Amino acid sequence: RETIGRVAAGAVAKKILKEFSGTEVLAYVSQVHNIVLPVELVDHDTLTLDQ
């Protein structure tokens, strides 16, 4: 399927960004249907992949 190529390319790009520029790409779910995580509850400065 097409999805596997996008996932693989994203994983490679993520590693290259971290290795060469120290950039770490993080994401989180902020809303599912009508359940919303208020943005003020997320500290973007201390957010890590381990959380």
Protein backbone atom coordinates (compact mmCIF):
# COMPACT_ATOMS: atom_id res chain seq x y z
CA ARG A 1 0.00 0.00 0.00
CA GLU A 2 0.97 3.62 -0.37
CA THR A 3 0.92 4.21 3.40
CA ILE A 4 4.00 2.07 4.10
CA GLY A 5 6.14 4.25 1.83
CA ARG A 6 5.03 7.41 3.59
CA VAL A 7 5.63 5.92 7.03
CA ALA A 8 9.08 4.67 6.04
CA ALA A 9 10.03 8.01 4.45
CA GLY A 10 8.83 9.87 7.55
CA ALA A 11 10.87 7.62 9.83
CA VAL A 12 14.01 8.18 7.75
CA ALA A 13 13.43 11.94 7.60
CA LYS A 14 12.91 12.05 11.37
CA LYS A 15 16.25 10.31 11.98
CA ILE A 16 18.09 12.57 9.52
CA LEU A 17 16.66 15.71 11.13
CA LYS A 18 17.70 14.57 14.60
CA GLU A 19 21.18 13.47 13.49
CA PHE A 20 22.14 16.54 11.46
CA SER A 21 20.26 19.41 13.08
CA GLY A 22 19.22 18.12 16.51
CA THR A 23 15.56 18.58 15.56
CA GLU A 24 13.15 16.22 17.32
CA VAL A 25 9.71 15.77 15.79
CA LEU A 26 6.92 15.13 18.31
CA ALA A 27 3.17 14.88 17.91
CA TYR A 28 0.20 14.22 20.15
CA VAL A 29 -3.56 13.85 19.82
CA SER A 30 -5.32 16.99 21.03
CA GLN A 31 -8.89 16.01 20.17
CA VAL A 32 -10.92 12.87 19.55
CA HIS A 33 -14.40 13.67 18.28
CA ASN A 34 -15.76 16.09 20.90
CA ILE A 35 -13.21 15.30 23.64
CA VAL A 36 -10.62 18.09 23.64
CA LEU A 37 -7.31 18.41 25.49
CA PRO A 38 -6.99 22.08 26.46
CA VAL A 39 -3.80 23.51 24.95
CA GLU A 40 -2.82 25.09 28.29
CA LEU A 41 -2.40 21.59 29.79
CA VAL A 42 0.45 20.79 27.38
CA ASP A 43 3.88 22.25 28.14
CA HIS A 44 5.42 22.28 24.66
CA ASP A 45 8.83 23.29 26.04
CA THR A 46 9.21 20.13 28.15
CA LEU A 47 7.23 17.65 26.03
CA THR A 48 9.27 14.53 25.27
CA LEU A 49 8.73 11.37 23.25
CA ASP A 50 8.84 9.33 26.48
CA GLN A 51 5.66 10.95 27.74
